[in-house]
């Protein structure tokens, strides 16, 4: 069963359970939020990654990723000039089946994806916790500070998304994690990625500031 969902193409991958603040200034996205505010709660739109193209500009053309995440609207501030500051939280993953360009903003026919733990996720969960502790210590050692706060959750699905959102990775790796069929496969992939990142941190004197070091709104 599919559903029609407003879409927001971004160069950022959103994961379930994680916060995405946005600053909206383009007319088409002001219209998207205005339309959402006329609907009953919960109100959400689909964040879908841009594989080719750019985010902003009325004529922006994109090649979109096949899997995205619903961003549920939690806070909305409208400025006198019509801009919006919003805070959203990722909820459900979806597969993009078809695009609809009949509105000023994109819409899509989407199919929601299940969230399964997978076959025996616990060995991968234990290893990913150990590797993530090493990762945070290494970041602290090069002056970057630990990503996120608090202890990783026990639930393997939530853990897999917390790790995916917290580790500094390029967009391709982030998208690959979002598209994993279940938590066990995602955790297994994260073990490999964390082992790689730990090796890099062992050899580099500094690391680039990641998304967890930047508390500003995303400029869209």
Protein backbone atom coordinates (compact mmCIF):
# COMPACT_ATOMS: atom_id res chain seq x y z
CA UNK A 1 0.00 0.00 0.00
CA UNK A 2 1.37 3.42 -0.98
CA UNK A 3 0.75 6.96 0.30
CA UNK A 4 1.37 10.37 -1.23
CA UNK A 5 3.88 12.41 0.76
CA UNK A 6 5.36 15.90 0.30
CA UNK A 7 9.09 15.61 -0.37
CA UNK A 8 12.05 17.70 0.71
CA UNK A 9 15.24 16.76 -1.19
CA UNK A 10 18.34 17.34 0.94
CA UNK A 11 22.03 16.64 0.91
CA UNK A 12 21.50 15.30 4.44
CA UNK A 13 20.33 11.80 5.39
CA UNK A 14 17.71 11.72 8.14
CA UNK A 15 17.36 8.63 10.35
CA UNK A 16 14.35 7.58 12.46
CA UNK A 17 14.49 8.98 15.97
CA UNK A 18 16.79 11.87 15.20
CA UNK A 19 16.22 15.62 15.13
CA UNK A 20 16.52 17.76 12.00
CA UNK A 21 16.10 21.56 12.35
CA UNK A 22 15.62 23.50 9.11
CA UNK A 23 15.47 27.13 8.05
CA UNK A 24 13.08 27.43 5.10
CA UNK A 25 13.23 30.43 2.78
CA UNK A 26 12.31 29.15 -0.68
CA UNK A 27 8.73 29.85 -1.77
CA UNK A 28 8.03 26.21 -2.58
CA UNK A 29 9.03 25.03 0.91
CA UNK A 30 7.14 27.86 2.61
CA UNK A 31 4.13 26.56 0.68
CA UNK A 32 4.87 23.00 1.78
CA UNK A 33 4.83 23.99 5.47
CA UNK A 34 1.75 26.16 5.05
CA UNK A 35 -0.05 23.20 3.45
CA UNK A 36 1.07 20.87 6.24
CA UNK A 37 -0.17 23.25 8.93
CA UNK A 38 -3.66 23.01 7.46
CA UNK A 39 -3.68 19.24 8.08
CA UNK A 40 -4.37 17.42 11.36
CA UNK A 41 -1.44 16.11 13.37
CA UNK A 42 0.83 14.28 12.96
CA UNK A 43 2.21 16.37 10.12
CA UNK A 44 5.17 15.13 8.15
CA UNK A 45 7.08 15.29 4.90
CA UNK A 46 9.65 13.01 3.33
CA UNK A 47 13.33 13.86 3.51
CA UNK A 48 15.05 12.15 0.62
CA UNK A 49 18.73 12.32 -0.25
CA UNK A 50 20.07 14.02 -3.36
CA UNK A 51 22.36 11.67 -5.27
CA UNK A 52 23.02 14.16 -8.07
CA UNK A 53 22.27 17.87 -8.21
CA UNK A 54 21.91 20.56 -5.54
CA UNK A 55 19.42 21.54 -2.86
CA UNK A 56 18.46 25.15 -3.38
CA UNK A 57 17.11 27.29 -6.18
CA UNK A 58 13.75 27.15 -7.89
CA UNK A 59 15.25 25.43 -10.94
CA UNK A 60 17.26 22.87 -8.97
CA UNK A 61 17.26 19.45 -10.62
CA UNK A 62 17.91 16.31 -8.63
CA UNK A 63 18.46 12.62 -8.89
CA UNK A 64 16.93 11.34 -5.68
CA UNK A 65 17.80 8.37 -3.52
CA UNK A 66 15.34 5.48 -3.51
CA UNK A 67 14.85 5.41 0.28
CA UNK A 68 14.07 8.33 2.57
CA UNK A 69 12.69 9.10 6.02
CA UNK A 70 9.57 10.92 7.20
CA UNK A 71 10.32 14.15 9.10
CA UNK A 72 7.51 14.81 11.58
CA UNK A 73 6.91 18.48 12.30
CA UNK A 74 7.38 19.23 16.02
CA UNK A 75 8.03 22.99 16.23
CA UNK A 76 7.23 25.78 13.78
CA UNK A 77 8.19 29.46 13.92
CA UNK A 78 6.98 31.74 11.11
CA UNK A 79 8.90 34.98 10.56
CA UNK A 80 7.23 38.21 9.38
CA UNK A 81 8.81 37.88 5.92
CA UNK A 82 7.33 34.39 5.49
CA UNK A 83 10.42 32.32 6.31
CA UNK A 84 10.06 29.37 8.68
CA UNK A 85 12.28 27.85 11.32
CA UNK A 86 11.13 24.32 12.03
CA UNK A 87 12.22 21.37 14.11
CA UNK A 88 11.43 17.88 12.88
CA UNK A 89 12.06 14.33 14.10
CA UNK A 90 12.65 11.36 11.84
CA UNK A 91 9.98 8.67 12.17
CA UNK A 92 9.45 6.10 9.38
CA UNK A 93 11.56 5.02 6.44
CA UNK A 94 9.97 4.80 3.04
CA UNK A 95 10.78 3.66 -0.47
CA UNK A 96 10.09 6.22 -3.16
CA UNK A 97 7.96 4.64 -5.87
CA UNK A 98 6.92 7.55 -8.10
CA UNK A 99 7.33 11.34 -8.27
CA UNK A 100 4.49 13.85 -8.58
CA UNK A 101 5.38 17.34 -9.83
CA UNK A 102 1.87 18.78 -9.80
CA UNK A 103 2.53 21.06 -6.80
CA UNK A 104 5.19 23.80 -6.39
CA UNK A 105 7.12 21.26 -4.29
CA UNK A 106 7.73 17.61 -5.08
CA UNK A 107 5.43 14.88 -3.84
CA UNK A 108 5.97 11.17 -4.03
CA UNK A 109 4.11 7.91 -3.89
CA UNK A 110 5.90 6.10 -1.08
CA UNK A 111 5.80 2.66 0.47
CA UNK A 112 6.69 2.45 4.16
CA UNK A 113 9.41 -0.01 5.15
CA UNK A 114 9.29 -2.34 8.15
CA UNK A 115 11.72 -2.00 11.05
CA UNK A 116 12.98 -5.48 11.90
CA UNK A 117 15.81 -6.45 14.26
CA UNK A 118 16.98 -9.11 11.80
CA UNK A 119 18.65 -12.42 12.51
CA UNK A 120 20.55 -12.36 15.84
CA UNK A 121 21.57 -8.68 15.98
CA UNK A 122 23.14 -8.97 19.45
CA UNK A 123 26.73 -9.95 18.51
CA UNK A 124 26.88 -7.01 16.11
CA UNK A 125 25.28 -4.74 18.75
CA UNK A 126 27.95 -5.67 21.34
CA UNK A 127 30.77 -5.07 18.86
CA UNK A 128 29.34 -1.79 17.62
CA UNK A 129 29.07 -0.49 21.20
CA UNK A 130 32.73 -1.33 21.83
CA UNK A 131 33.87 0.26 18.56
CA UNK A 132 31.73 3.34 19.18
CA UNK A 133 33.28 3.84 22.64
CA UNK A 134 36.72 3.69 20.99
CA UNK A 135 35.54 6.14 18.32
CA UNK A 136 34.37 8.68 20.91
CA UNK A 137 37.63 8.35 22.86
CA UNK A 138 39.68 8.89 19.70
CA UNK A 139 37.61 11.94 18.76
CA UNK A 140 38.20 13.36 22.20
CA UNK A 141 41.89 12.66 21.80
CA UNK A 142 42.10 14.83 18.67
CA UNK A 143 40.03 17.62 20.19
CA UNK A 144 36.79 17.00 18.31
CA UNK A 145 34.73 16.09 21.35
CA UNK A 146 32.35 13.15 21.67
CA UNK A 147 29.43 12.91 19.22
CA UNK A 148 25.99 13.02 20.79
CA UNK A 149 25.25 12.46 24.44
CA UNK A 150 24.18 9.66 26.72
CA UNK A 151 24.58 5.95 26.37
CA UNK A 152 23.56 4.02 23.26
CA UNK A 153 20.08 2.43 23.55
CA UNK A 154 19.58 -1.29 24.15
CA UNK A 155 17.06 -1.82 21.36
CA UNK A 156 19.01 -2.97 18.26
CA UNK A 157 16.89 -0.95 15.82
CA UNK A 158 17.25 2.27 17.84
CA UNK A 159 20.96 1.52 18.41
CA UNK A 160 21.57 1.07 14.69
CA UNK A 161 20.02 4.46 13.91
CA UNK A 162 21.79 6.23 16.78
CA UNK A 163 25.17 5.00 15.50
CA UNK A 164 24.29 5.87 11.90
CA UNK A 165 23.34 9.42 12.85
CA UNK A 166 26.30 10.02 15.19
CA UNK A 167 29.32 8.86 13.19
CA UNK A 168 30.95 11.30 10.77
CA UNK A 169 30.49 9.63 7.37
CA UNK A 170 29.99 10.77 3.82
CA UNK A 171 26.52 10.87 2.31
CA UNK A 172 26.97 7.63 0.38
CA UNK A 173 27.76 5.68 3.55
CA UNK A 174 24.88 7.32 5.44
CA UNK A 175 22.43 6.48 2.66
CA UNK A 176 23.66 2.89 2.55
CA UNK A 177 22.96 2.55 6.28
CA UNK A 178 19.46 4.02 5.88
CA UNK A 179 18.70 1.48 3.16
CA UNK A 180 19.80 -1.61 5.12
CA UNK A 181 17.00 -4.15 5.26
CA UNK A 182 17.13 -4.65 9.04
CA UNK A 183 19.03 -3.64 12.18
CA UNK A 184 21.36 -6.67 12.13
CA UNK A 185 22.61 -5.79 8.65
CA UNK A 186 22.91 -2.11 9.58
CA UNK A 187 24.88 -2.91 12.73
CA UNK A 188 27.16 -5.26 10.81
CA UNK A 189 27.89 -2.49 8.28
CA UNK A 190 28.47 -0.03 11.13
CA UNK A 191 31.04 -2.34 12.68
CA UNK A 192 33.06 -2.21 9.45
CA UNK A 193 32.66 1.56 9.14
CA UNK A 194 33.61 2.23 12.77
CA UNK A 195 36.66 -0.02 12.47
CA UNK A 196 37.69 1.99 9.41
CA UNK A 197 37.09 5.35 11.10
CA UNK A 198 39.04 4.27 14.18
CA UNK A 199 42.01 3.32 11.99
CA UNK A 200 41.83 6.74 10.32
CA UNK A 201 41.65 8.54 13.67
CA UNK A 202 44.72 6.62 14.85
CA UNK A 203 46.75 8.12 12.00
CA UNK A 204 45.34 11.66 11.61
CA UNK A 205 46.23 14.52 13.97
CA UNK A 206 42.89 16.28 13.36
CA UNK A 207 39.48 15.44 11.95
CA UNK A 208 36.95 17.65 10.16
CA UNK A 209 34.10 18.99 12.24
CA UNK A 210 31.10 16.71 11.80
CA UNK A 211 27.40 17.43 11.89
CA UNK A 212 27.31 16.80 15.63
CA UNK A 213 29.61 19.81 16.17
CA UNK A 214 27.36 22.22 14.28
CA UNK A 215 24.21 23.26 16.12
CA UNK A 216 23.01 25.69 13.46
CA UNK A 217 19.92 25.30 11.34
CA UNK A 218 20.32 23.71 7.94
CA UNK A 219 20.10 26.58 5.38
CA UNK A 220 17.14 25.45 3.23
